[in-house]
């Protein structure tokens, strides 16, 4: 049975380390997509949006 991960899980090092390489690549892609969405929505840089997402992933969880 496959393990299901939330976007919040993608910010946890222990969870990322337990993923397969394919899962880690997918997680990284989703985080980048979410950072881009936040950046556009808030009018900030992608780097600032990434930091905001990592620090507050539950608020910006796209899988709610």
C-alpha atoms as a PDB file:
ATOM      1  CA  UNK A   1       0.000   0.000   0.000  1.00  0.00           C
ATOM      2  CA  UNK A   2       1.413   3.377  -1.021  1.00  0.00           C
ATOM      3  CA  UNK A   3       1.994   6.044   1.587  1.00  0.00           C
ATOM      4  CA  UNK A   4       0.090   9.259   0.999  1.00  0.00           C
ATOM      5  CA  UNK A   5       1.899  12.518   1.713  1.00  0.00           C
ATOM      6  CA  UNK A   6       0.509  16.002   2.252  1.00  0.00           C
ATOM      7  CA  UNK A   7       2.240  19.198   1.181  1.00  0.00           C
ATOM      8  CA  UNK A   8       3.109  19.805   4.837  1.00  0.00           C
ATOM      9  CA  UNK A   9       4.939  16.461   4.895  1.00  0.00           C
ATOM     10  CA  UNK A  10       7.120  17.672   2.034  1.00  0.00           C
ATOM     11  CA  UNK A  11       8.662  20.248   4.400  1.00  0.00           C
ATOM     12  CA  UNK A  12       9.858  17.569   6.859  1.00  0.00           C
ATOM     13  CA  UNK A  13      13.360  16.209   6.305  1.00  0.00           C
ATOM     14  CA  UNK A  14      12.581  12.804   7.843  1.00  0.00           C
ATOM     15  CA  UNK A  15       9.620  12.346   5.511  1.00  0.00           C
ATOM     16  CA  UNK A  16      11.588  13.457   2.466  1.00  0.00           C
ATOM     17  CA  UNK A  17      14.377  11.020   3.375  1.00  0.00           C
ATOM     18  CA  UNK A  18      11.865   8.161   3.549  1.00  0.00           C
ATOM     19  CA  UNK A  19      10.584   8.849   0.017  1.00  0.00           C
ATOM     20  CA  UNK A  20      11.741   7.201  -3.150  1.00  0.00           C
ATOM     21  CA  UNK A  21      13.746   9.372  -5.570  1.00  0.00           C
ATOM     22  CA  UNK A  22      10.657   9.713  -7.760  1.00  0.00           C
ATOM     23  CA  UNK A  23       8.548  10.848  -4.802  1.00  0.00           C
ATOM     24  CA  UNK A  24      11.200  13.410  -3.783  1.00  0.00           C
ATOM     25  CA  UNK A  25      11.299  14.798  -7.324  1.00  0.00           C
ATOM     26  CA  UNK A  26       7.504  15.086  -7.348  1.00  0.00           C
ATOM     27  CA  UNK A  27       7.524  16.753  -3.908  1.00  0.00           C
ATOM     28  CA  UNK A  28      10.138  19.288  -5.003  1.00  0.00           C
ATOM     29  CA  UNK A  29       8.142  20.053  -8.145  1.00  0.00           C
ATOM     30  CA  UNK A  30       4.962  20.634  -6.110  1.00  0.00           C
ATOM     31  CA  UNK A  31       6.764  22.923  -3.649  1.00  0.00           C
ATOM     32  CA  UNK A  32       8.147  25.008  -6.528  1.00  0.00           C
ATOM     33  CA  UNK A  33       4.678  25.205  -8.106  1.00  0.00           C
ATOM     34  CA  UNK A  34       3.173  26.302  -4.804  1.00  0.00           C
ATOM     35  CA  UNK A  35       5.892  28.911  -4.243  1.00  0.00           C
ATOM     36  CA  UNK A  36       5.236  30.330  -7.720  1.00  0.00           C
ATOM     37  CA  UNK A  37       1.494  30.491  -7.010  1.00  0.00           C
ATOM     38  CA  UNK A  38       2.048  32.238  -3.674  1.00  0.00           C
ATOM     39  CA  UNK A  39       4.527  34.671  -5.270  1.00  0.00           C
ATOM     40  CA  UNK A  40       2.050  35.631  -7.969  1.00  0.00           C
ATOM     41  CA  UNK A  41      -0.871  35.846  -5.548  1.00  0.00           C
ATOM     42  CA  UNK A  42       1.010  38.019  -3.038  1.00  0.00           C
ATOM     43  CA  UNK A  43       3.197  39.973  -5.466  1.00  0.00           C
ATOM     44  CA  UNK A  44       6.457  38.816  -3.878  1.00  0.00           C
ATOM     45  CA  UNK A  45       9.562  37.047  -5.172  1.00  0.00           C
ATOM     46  CA  UNK A  46       9.543  33.275  -5.591  1.00  0.00           C
ATOM     47  CA  UNK A  47      12.332  33.049  -3.017  1.00  0.00           C
ATOM     48  CA  UNK A  48      10.262  34.950  -0.444  1.00  0.00           C
ATOM     49  CA  UNK A  49       7.232  32.823  -1.283  1.00  0.00           C
ATOM     50  CA  UNK A  50       9.285  29.645  -0.814  1.00  0.00           C
ATOM     51  CA  UNK A  51      10.419  30.783   2.634  1.00  0.00           C
ATOM     52  CA  UNK A  52       6.870  31.729   3.531  1.00  0.00           C
ATOM     53  CA  UNK A  53       5.606  28.354   2.360  1.00  0.00           C
ATOM     54  CA  UNK A  54       8.257  26.372   4.236  1.00  0.00           C
ATOM     55  CA  UNK A  55       7.598  28.281   7.460  1.00  0.00           C
ATOM     56  CA  UNK A  56       3.824  28.134   7.152  1.00  0.00           C
ATOM     57  CA  UNK A  57       3.025  25.114   5.024  1.00  0.00           C
ATOM     58  CA  UNK A  58      -0.250  24.351   6.800  1.00  0.00           C
ATOM     59  CA  UNK A  59      -1.675  27.750   5.802  1.00  0.00           C
ATOM     60  CA  UNK A  60      -0.798  27.275   2.132  1.00  0.00           C
ATOM     61  CA  UNK A  61      -1.530  23.545   1.864  1.00  0.00           C
ATOM     62  CA  UNK A  62      -2.993  23.027  -1.616  1.00  0.00           C
ATOM     63  CA  UNK A  63      -4.407  19.641  -0.654  1.00  0.00           C
ATOM     64  CA  UNK A  64      -6.879  20.986   1.939  1.00  0.00           C
END
